[in-house]
Amino acid sequence: MVNLGSSARTAHGWTNIDSSLILKLGKHRRISKLLWKVGLLNSDRYARMQRLDEGCVVWNLAKGIPYPDRTFDVVYHSHLLEHIDREGAPGFLAECFRVLKPGGVIRIVVPDLEQLARTYVSALDGPDPASDPRYDHSLDEMFDQMVPRTPRWRAKEPLIVRAVERVFVGDTAKCGTLHRWMYDRHSVKRLLERTGFRDVSVVDYLTSRIAGWNGFGLDVEPDGSPYKPGSLYMEATTPQ
């Protein structure tokens, strides 16, 4: 099983792949501890690094998936596809198809454009859209991560940390937090079917064809709530 674009949300028993700063620094425990002690790494990030699975693979997925054909039974990625250019999405899913065994399962999680749009329209139809919190929320979720050049979390960091991150991490496009497209169940299904996947279906955060899914904690918080509410969860299989 492979978890693509895992960041610090990893699972034991999986191959977790990402090129994020958290994984890069997490591979160097002494350096990350030093950065934390001198205040260049906040406590939340440092704690996530300490929980990382030691088997994490640091790799830029723009170069493809670094494994031979038919390696995995399961490919999973959550809130990754929307960070890929629309033109690059078919090629990325073709890579997912390539590394899956016959009858393998792909599970994709993305922000649900349909749900956001319905919330937005519902707020517009209300008596006072400007005072409806759903109005601002839906707009933020659809557009906020497409527009800013500086990651939102950076504004909360000390000045020296912001300066260091601007140099070594870069803007939203360089560090991978920029949303480049949005998807609904129809557009994801079309992409999957054009790639060659079959049996495409919408599921929820607790339901999966992946054996033992609820034991991995990838789409769920410790209290049982969804990790990212408002997500679209879809699965498909490769031909036998």
C-alpha atoms as a PDB file:
ATOM      1  CA  MET A   1       0.000   0.000   0.000  1.00  0.00           C
ATOM      2  CA  VAL A   2       1.346   3.422  -0.933  1.00  0.00           C
ATOM      3  CA  ASN A   3       0.305   6.794   0.490  1.00  0.00           C
ATOM      4  CA  LEU A   4       1.227   9.512  -2.002  1.00  0.00           C
ATOM      5  CA  GLY A   5       1.769  13.084  -0.823  1.00  0.00           C
ATOM      6  CA  SER A   6       1.479  11.907   2.762  1.00  0.00           C
ATOM      7  CA  SER A   7       3.143  14.880   4.459  1.00  0.00           C
ATOM      8  CA  ALA A   8       3.130  13.984   8.175  1.00  0.00           C
ATOM      9  CA  ARG A   9      -0.128  12.005   7.944  1.00  0.00           C
ATOM     10  CA  THR A  10       1.470   8.607   7.593  1.00  0.00           C
ATOM     11  CA  ALA A  11       0.377   5.084   8.454  1.00  0.00           C
ATOM     12  CA  HIS A  12       2.385   2.075   9.590  1.00  0.00           C
ATOM     13  CA  GLY A  13       2.458  -0.723   7.064  1.00  0.00           C
ATOM     14  CA  TRP A  14       2.270   1.739   4.181  1.00  0.00           C
ATOM     15  CA  THR A  15       4.917   3.214   1.908  1.00  0.00           C
ATOM     16  CA  ASN A  16       4.517   6.938   2.651  1.00  0.00           C
ATOM     17  CA  ILE A  17       5.915   9.278  -0.016  1.00  0.00           C
ATOM     18  CA  ASP A  18       6.199  13.065   0.037  1.00  0.00           C
ATOM     19  CA  SER A  19       8.662  15.876  -0.630  1.00  0.00           C
ATOM     20  CA  SER A  20       7.411  18.260   2.066  1.00  0.00           C
ATOM     21  CA  LEU A  21       9.701  20.113   4.444  1.00  0.00           C
ATOM     22  CA  ILE A  22       8.310  18.087   7.345  1.00  0.00           C
ATOM     23  CA  LEU A  23       9.458  14.801   5.815  1.00  0.00           C
ATOM     24  CA  LYS A  24      12.799  16.216   4.725  1.00  0.00           C
ATOM     25  CA  LEU A  25      13.626  17.542   8.180  1.00  0.00           C
ATOM     26  CA  GLY A  26      12.015  14.545   9.851  1.00  0.00           C
ATOM     27  CA  LYS A  27      14.724  12.389   8.289  1.00  0.00           C
ATOM     28  CA  HIS A  28      17.309  14.379  10.254  1.00  0.00           C
ATOM     29  CA  ARG A  29      16.248  14.135  13.884  1.00  0.00           C
ATOM     30  CA  ARG A  30      19.207  16.036  15.338  1.00  0.00           C
ATOM     31  CA  ILE A  31      18.831  18.948  12.922  1.00  0.00           C
ATOM     32  CA  SER A  32      15.076  19.215  13.474  1.00  0.00           C
ATOM     33  CA  LYS A  33      15.580  19.124  17.248  1.00  0.00           C
ATOM     34  CA  LEU A  34      18.169  21.915  17.015  1.00  0.00           C
ATOM     35  CA  LEU A  35      15.857  24.042  14.838  1.00  0.00           C
ATOM     36  CA  TRP A  36      13.047  23.518  17.354  1.00  0.00           C
ATOM     37  CA  LYS A  37      15.247  24.512  20.298  1.00  0.00           C
ATOM     38  CA  VAL A  38      16.395  27.747  18.665  1.00  0.00           C
ATOM     39  CA  GLY A  39      12.825  28.673  17.671  1.00  0.00           C
ATOM     40  CA  LEU A  40      13.081  28.142  13.909  1.00  0.00           C
ATOM     41  CA  LEU A  41      10.647  25.216  14.058  1.00  0.00           C
ATOM     42  CA  ASN A  42       7.369  25.492  15.938  1.00  0.00           C
ATOM     43  CA  SER A  43       6.280  22.880  18.460  1.00  0.00           C
ATOM     44  CA  ASP A  44       3.405  21.581  16.330  1.00  0.00           C
ATOM     45  CA  ARG A  45       5.630  20.811  13.358  1.00  0.00           C
ATOM     46  CA  TYR A  46       8.300  19.308  15.581  1.00  0.00           C
ATOM     47  CA  ALA A  47       5.752  17.030  17.264  1.00  0.00           C
ATOM     48  CA  ARG A  48       4.495  15.838  13.857  1.00  0.00           C
ATOM     49  CA  MET A  49       8.054  15.069  12.804  1.00  0.00           C
ATOM     50  CA  GLN A  50       8.551  12.923  15.891  1.00  0.00           C
ATOM     51  CA  ARG A  51       5.503  10.831  14.968  1.00  0.00           C
ATOM     52  CA  LEU A  52       6.650  10.144  11.428  1.00  0.00           C
ATOM     53  CA  ASP A  53       7.038   6.564  10.284  1.00  0.00           C
ATOM     54  CA  GLU A  54      10.743   5.821   9.815  1.00  0.00           C
ATOM     55  CA  GLY A  55       9.967   4.229   6.451  1.00  0.00           C
ATOM     56  CA  CYS A  56       8.860   7.491   4.840  1.00  0.00           C
ATOM     57  CA  VAL A  57      10.264   8.124   1.372  1.00  0.00           C
ATOM     58  CA  VAL A  58      11.280  11.674   0.426  1.00  0.00           C
ATOM     59  CA  TRP A  59      10.513  12.016  -3.273  1.00  0.00           C
ATOM     60  CA  ASN A  60       9.138  14.638  -5.658  1.00  0.00           C
ATOM     61  CA  LEU A  61       6.086  13.030  -7.282  1.00  0.00           C
ATOM     62  CA  ALA A  62       6.397  15.404 -10.235  1.00  0.00           C
ATOM     63  CA  LYS A  63       9.084  12.935 -11.357  1.00  0.00           C
ATOM     64  CA  GLY A  64       6.621  10.027 -11.240  1.00  0.00           C
ATOM     65  CA  ILE A  65       6.164   7.263  -8.678  1.00  0.00           C
ATOM     66  CA  PRO A  66       9.560   5.644  -8.022  1.00  0.00           C
ATOM     67  CA  TYR A  67       8.448   1.999  -8.181  1.00  0.00           C
ATOM     68  CA  PRO A  68       8.120  -0.608 -10.947  1.00  0.00           C
ATOM     69  CA  ASP A  69       4.869  -1.541 -12.665  1.00  0.00           C
ATOM     70  CA  ARG A  70       2.341  -3.538 -10.625  1.00  0.00           C
ATOM     71  CA  THR A  71       4.063  -2.994  -7.266  1.00  0.00           C
ATOM     72  CA  PHE A  72       1.116  -2.114  -5.015  1.00  0.00           C
ATOM     73  CA  ASP A  73      -2.296  -3.460  -4.061  1.00  0.00           C
ATOM     74  CA  VAL A  74      -3.468   0.001  -2.958  1.00  0.00           C
ATOM     75  CA  VAL A  75      -2.720   3.576  -4.006  1.00  0.00           C
ATOM     76  CA  TYR A  76      -4.058   6.347  -1.765  1.00  0.00           C
ATOM     77  CA  HIS A  77      -3.732  10.092  -1.917  1.00  0.00           C
ATOM     78  CA  SER A  78      -5.590  12.741   0.054  1.00  0.00           C
ATOM     79  CA  HIS A  79      -5.787  16.422  -0.880  1.00  0.00           C
ATOM     80  CA  LEU A  80      -3.039  16.000  -3.436  1.00  0.00           C
ATOM     81  CA  LEU A  81      -4.761  15.941  -6.837  1.00  0.00           C
ATOM     82  CA  GLU A  82      -5.991  19.552  -6.519  1.00  0.00           C
ATOM     83  CA  HIS A  83      -2.362  20.708  -6.157  1.00  0.00           C
ATOM     84  CA  ILE A  84      -1.468  19.321  -9.590  1.00  0.00           C
ATOM     85  CA  ASP A  85      -2.035  21.335 -12.766  1.00  0.00           C
ATOM     86  CA  ARG A  86      -5.213  20.277 -14.533  1.00  0.00           C
ATOM     87  CA  GLU A  87      -3.162  19.245 -17.566  1.00  0.00           C
ATOM     88  CA  GLY A  88      -0.907  17.085 -15.394  1.00  0.00           C
ATOM     89  CA  ALA A  89      -3.676  15.195 -13.577  1.00  0.00           C
ATOM     90  CA  PRO A  90      -4.198  12.510 -16.284  1.00  0.00           C
ATOM     91  CA  GLY A  91      -0.484  11.713 -16.324  1.00  0.00           C
ATOM     92  CA  PHE A  92      -0.355  11.471 -12.539  1.00  0.00           C
ATOM     93  CA  LEU A  93      -3.330   9.086 -12.449  1.00  0.00           C
ATOM     94  CA  ALA A  94      -1.698   7.051 -15.223  1.00  0.00           C
ATOM     95  CA  GLU A  95       1.296   6.642 -12.892  1.00  0.00           C
ATOM     96  CA  CYS A  96      -1.065   5.474 -10.134  1.00  0.00           C
ATOM     97  CA  PHE A  97      -2.564   2.951 -12.567  1.00  0.00           C
ATOM     98  CA  ARG A  98       0.892   1.763 -13.626  1.00  0.00           C
ATOM     99  CA  VAL A  99       2.105   0.871 -10.130  1.00  0.00           C
ATOM    100  CA  LEU A 100      -1.123  -0.923  -9.148  1.00  0.00           C
ATOM    101  CA  LYS A 101      -1.485  -4.670  -9.495  1.00  0.00           C
ATOM    102  CA  PRO A 102      -4.466  -6.094 -11.428  1.00  0.00           C
ATOM    103  CA  GLY A 103      -7.522  -5.735  -9.197  1.00  0.00           C
ATOM    104  CA  GLY A 104      -5.768  -3.074  -7.128  1.00  0.00           C
ATOM    105  CA  VAL A 105      -7.631  -0.232  -5.423  1.00  0.00           C
ATOM    106  CA  ILE A 106      -7.110   3.499  -5.756  1.00  0.00           C
ATOM    107  CA  ARG A 107      -8.624   5.838  -3.150  1.00  0.00           C
ATOM    108  CA  ILE A 108      -8.697   9.567  -3.883  1.00  0.00           C
ATOM    109  CA  VAL A 109      -9.691  12.327  -1.462  1.00  0.00           C
ATOM    110  CA  VAL A 110     -10.143  15.916  -2.677  1.00  0.00           C
ATOM    111  CA  PRO A 111     -12.086  19.013  -1.599  1.00  0.00           C
ATOM    112  CA  ASP A 112     -15.660  18.519  -2.828  1.00  0.00           C
ATOM    113  CA  LEU A 113     -16.435  21.337  -5.263  1.00  0.00           C
ATOM    114  CA  GLU A 114     -20.046  20.229  -5.590  1.00  0.00           C
ATOM    115  CA  GLN A 115     -20.637  20.449  -1.849  1.00  0.00           C
ATOM    116  CA  LEU A 116     -18.938  23.847  -1.647  1.00  0.00           C
ATOM    117  CA  ALA A 117     -20.933  25.162  -4.594  1.00  0.00           C
ATOM    118  CA  ARG A 118     -24.222  23.947  -3.137  1.00  0.00           C
ATOM    119  CA  THR A 119     -23.385  25.602   0.179  1.00  0.00           C
ATOM    120  CA  TYR A 120     -22.527  28.823  -1.638  1.00  0.00           C
ATOM    121  CA  VAL A 121     -25.754  28.842  -3.664  1.00  0.00           C
ATOM    122  CA  SER A 122     -27.787  27.961  -0.576  1.00  0.00           C
ATOM    123  CA  ALA A 123     -26.294  30.929   1.271  1.00  0.00           C
ATOM    124  CA  LEU A 124     -27.049  33.196  -1.695  1.00  0.00           C
ATOM    125  CA  ASP A 125     -30.693  32.108  -1.591  1.00  0.00           C
ATOM    126  CA  GLY A 126     -30.981  32.985   2.091  1.00  0.00           C
ATOM    127  CA  PRO A 127     -32.447  36.223   3.468  1.00  0.00           C
ATOM    128  CA  ASP A 128     -29.060  37.820   4.212  1.00  0.00           C
ATOM    129  CA  PRO A 129     -26.138  36.114   2.412  1.00  0.00           C
ATOM    130  CA  ALA A 130     -23.530  38.582   3.693  1.00  0.00           C
ATOM    131  CA  SER A 131     -24.202  37.575   7.293  1.00  0.00           C
ATOM    132  CA  ASP A 132     -24.409  33.843   6.585  1.00  0.00           C
ATOM    133  CA  PRO A 133     -21.121  32.175   7.699  1.00  0.00           C
ATOM    134  CA  ARG A 134     -21.604  29.543   4.978  1.00  0.00           C
ATOM    135  CA  TYR A 135     -21.154  32.265   2.356  1.00  0.00           C
ATOM    136  CA  ASP A 136     -17.654  33.250   3.467  1.00  0.00           C
ATOM    137  CA  HIS A 137     -16.656  29.670   4.229  1.00  0.00           C
ATOM    138  CA  SER A 138     -17.571  28.364   0.782  1.00  0.00           C
ATOM    139  CA  LEU A 139     -15.754  31.218  -0.929  1.00  0.00           C
ATOM    140  CA  ASP A 140     -12.664  30.699   1.221  1.00  0.00           C
ATOM    141  CA  GLU A 141     -12.577  26.974   0.548  1.00  0.00           C
ATOM    142  CA  MET A 142     -12.990  27.426  -3.205  1.00  0.00           C
ATOM    143  CA  PHE A 143     -10.651  30.337  -3.808  1.00  0.00           C
ATOM    144  CA  ASP A 144      -8.452  31.145  -0.814  1.00  0.00           C
ATOM    145  CA  GLN A 145      -5.789  28.557  -1.615  1.00  0.00           C
ATOM    146  CA  MET A 146      -5.825  29.430  -5.310  1.00  0.00           C
ATOM    147  CA  VAL A 147      -4.944  33.090  -4.790  1.00  0.00           C
ATOM    148  CA  PRO A 148      -2.428  33.776  -1.951  1.00  0.00           C
ATOM    149  CA  ARG A 149       1.270  33.628  -2.721  1.00  0.00           C
ATOM    150  CA  THR A 150       2.212  33.294   0.968  1.00  0.00           C
ATOM    151  CA  PRO A 151       0.986  30.204   2.895  1.00  0.00           C
ATOM    152  CA  ARG A 152      -1.595  31.125   5.525  1.00  0.00           C
ATOM    153  CA  TRP A 153       0.239  29.436   8.386  1.00  0.00           C
ATOM    154  CA  ARG A 154       3.369  31.536   7.771  1.00  0.00           C
ATOM    155  CA  ALA A 155       1.689  34.766   8.886  1.00  0.00           C
ATOM    156  CA  LYS A 156       1.494  33.337  12.424  1.00  0.00           C
ATOM    157  CA  GLU A 157       5.201  32.521  12.610  1.00  0.00           C
ATOM    158  CA  PRO A 158       7.896  34.781  14.162  1.00  0.00           C
ATOM    159  CA  LEU A 159       9.566  37.202  11.775  1.00  0.00           C
ATOM    160  CA  ILE A 160      12.821  35.224  11.593  1.00  0.00           C
ATOM    161  CA  VAL A 161      10.916  32.021  10.771  1.00  0.00           C
ATOM    162  CA  ARG A 162       8.952  33.771   8.030  1.00  0.00           C
ATOM    163  CA  ALA A 163      12.183  35.080   6.532  1.00  0.00           C
ATOM    164  CA  VAL A 164      13.863  31.666   6.575  1.00  0.00           C
ATOM    165  CA  GLU A 165      10.820  29.962   5.046  1.00  0.00           C
ATOM    166  CA  ARG A 166      10.591  32.525   2.251  1.00  0.00           C
ATOM    167  CA  VAL A 167      14.149  31.602   1.252  1.00  0.00           C
ATOM    168  CA  PHE A 168      14.157  27.825   1.747  1.00  0.00           C
ATOM    169  CA  VAL A 169      10.482  26.882   1.300  1.00  0.00           C
ATOM    170  CA  GLY A 170       9.195  29.526  -1.084  1.00  0.00           C
ATOM    171  CA  ASP A 171       5.679  30.697  -1.907  1.00  0.00           C
ATOM    172  CA  THR A 172       2.499  28.595  -2.131  1.00  0.00           C
ATOM    173  CA  ALA A 173       3.328  27.406  -5.642  1.00  0.00           C
ATOM    174  CA  LYS A 174       6.841  26.267  -4.734  1.00  0.00           C
ATOM    175  CA  CYS A 175       5.939  24.571  -1.450  1.00  0.00           C
ATOM    176  CA  GLY A 176       2.937  22.766  -2.946  1.00  0.00           C
ATOM    177  CA  THR A 177       0.043  24.321  -1.034  1.00  0.00           C
ATOM    178  CA  LEU A 178      -1.447  26.178  -4.005  1.00  0.00           C
ATOM    179  CA  HIS A 179      -4.731  24.735  -5.302  1.00  0.00           C
ATOM    180  CA  ARG A 180      -4.479  24.463  -9.073  1.00  0.00           C
ATOM    181  CA  TRP A 181      -7.897  22.923  -9.806  1.00  0.00           C
ATOM    182  CA  MET A 182     -11.100  21.760  -8.095  1.00  0.00           C
ATOM    183  CA  TYR A 183     -13.058  18.536  -8.569  1.00  0.00           C
ATOM    184  CA  ASP A 184     -16.489  17.023  -8.091  1.00  0.00           C
ATOM    185  CA  ARG A 185     -17.612  13.397  -8.310  1.00  0.00           C
ATOM    186  CA  HIS A 186     -18.260  13.620 -12.049  1.00  0.00           C
ATOM    187  CA  SER A 187     -14.884  15.060 -13.027  1.00  0.00           C
ATOM    188  CA  VAL A 188     -12.982  12.575 -10.836  1.00  0.00           C
ATOM    189  CA  LYS A 189     -14.984   9.667 -12.267  1.00  0.00           C
ATOM    190  CA  ARG A 190     -14.283  10.817 -15.804  1.00  0.00           C
ATOM    191  CA  LEU A 191     -10.547  11.094 -15.100  1.00  0.00           C
ATOM    192  CA  LEU A 192     -10.403   7.651 -13.529  1.00  0.00           C
ATOM    193  CA  GLU A 193     -12.356   5.951 -16.294  1.00  0.00           C
ATOM    194  CA  ARG A 194     -10.285   7.595 -19.022  1.00  0.00           C
ATOM    195  CA  THR A 195      -7.160   6.316 -17.276  1.00  0.00           C
ATOM    196  CA  GLY A 196      -8.513   2.751 -17.380  1.00  0.00           C
ATOM    197  CA  PHE A 197      -9.912   2.325 -13.880  1.00  0.00           C
ATOM    198  CA  ARG A 198     -13.181   0.470 -13.327  1.00  0.00           C
ATOM    199  CA  ASP A 199     -15.940   0.273 -10.730  1.00  0.00           C
ATOM    200  CA  VAL A 200     -15.644   3.951  -9.796  1.00  0.00           C
ATOM    201  CA  SER A 201     -17.724   4.834  -6.755  1.00  0.00           C
ATOM    202  CA  VAL A 202     -18.229   7.553  -4.163  1.00  0.00           C
ATOM    203  CA  VAL A 203     -17.603   6.374  -0.590  1.00  0.00           C
ATOM    204  CA  ASP A 204     -17.276   8.112   2.778  1.00  0.00           C
ATOM    205  CA  TYR A 205     -14.375   8.569   5.160  1.00  0.00           C
ATOM    206  CA  LEU A 206     -15.110   5.328   7.041  1.00  0.00           C
ATOM    207  CA  THR A 207     -16.000   3.135   4.048  1.00  0.00           C
ATOM    208  CA  SER A 208     -13.461   1.505   1.750  1.00  0.00           C
ATOM    209  CA  ARG A 209     -12.606  -1.571  -0.302  1.00  0.00           C
ATOM    210  CA  ILE A 210      -9.182  -1.452   1.349  1.00  0.00           C
ATOM    211  CA  ALA A 211      -8.880  -4.272   3.882  1.00  0.00           C
ATOM    212  CA  GLY A 212      -8.532  -2.979   7.443  1.00  0.00           C
ATOM    213  CA  TRP A 213      -9.156   0.590   6.339  1.00  0.00           C
ATOM    214  CA  ASN A 214     -10.486   1.936   9.633  1.00  0.00           C
ATOM    215  CA  GLY A 215      -7.377   0.756  11.450  1.00  0.00           C
ATOM    216  CA  PHE A 216      -5.053   3.079   9.538  1.00  0.00           C
ATOM    217  CA  GLY A 217      -6.527   6.403  10.692  1.00  0.00           C
ATOM    218  CA  LEU A 218      -5.796   8.221   7.452  1.00  0.00           C
ATOM    219  CA  ASP A 219      -9.170   9.892   6.862  1.00  0.00           C
ATOM    220  CA  VAL A 220     -10.314  10.026  10.479  1.00  0.00           C
ATOM    221  CA  GLU A 221      -9.301  11.884  13.620  1.00  0.00           C
ATOM    222  CA  PRO A 222      -8.731  10.098  16.968  1.00  0.00           C
ATOM    223  CA  ASP A 223     -12.194  11.225  18.130  1.00  0.00           C
ATOM    224  CA  GLY A 224     -13.836   9.532  15.134  1.00  0.00           C
ATOM    225  CA  SER A 225     -14.557  12.712  13.157  1.00  0.00           C
ATOM    226  CA  PRO A 226     -13.399  13.099   9.532  1.00  0.00           C
ATOM    227  CA  TYR A 227      -9.880  14.460   9.105  1.00  0.00           C
ATOM    228  CA  LYS A 228     -10.977  17.033   6.527  1.00  0.00           C
ATOM    229  CA  PRO A 229     -14.745  17.627   6.565  1.00  0.00           C
ATOM    230  CA  GLY A 230     -16.199  18.561   3.206  1.00  0.00           C
ATOM    231  CA  SER A 231     -14.002  16.118   1.309  1.00  0.00           C
ATOM    232  CA  LEU A 232     -15.002  13.936  -1.617  1.00  0.00           C
ATOM    233  CA  TYR A 233     -13.918  10.288  -1.258  1.00  0.00           C
ATOM    234  CA  MET A 234     -13.763   8.112  -4.358  1.00  0.00           C
ATOM    235  CA  GLU A 235     -12.436   4.646  -5.112  1.00  0.00           C
ATOM    236  CA  ALA A 236     -11.881   2.553  -8.217  1.00  0.00           C
ATOM    237  CA  THR A 237     -10.064  -0.620  -9.239  1.00  0.00           C
ATOM    238  CA  THR A 238      -7.739  -1.747 -11.995  1.00  0.00           C
ATOM    239  CA  PRO A 239      -8.926  -4.532 -14.328  1.00  0.00           C
ATOM    240  CA  GLN A 240      -8.198  -8.082 -13.195  1.00  0.00           C
END
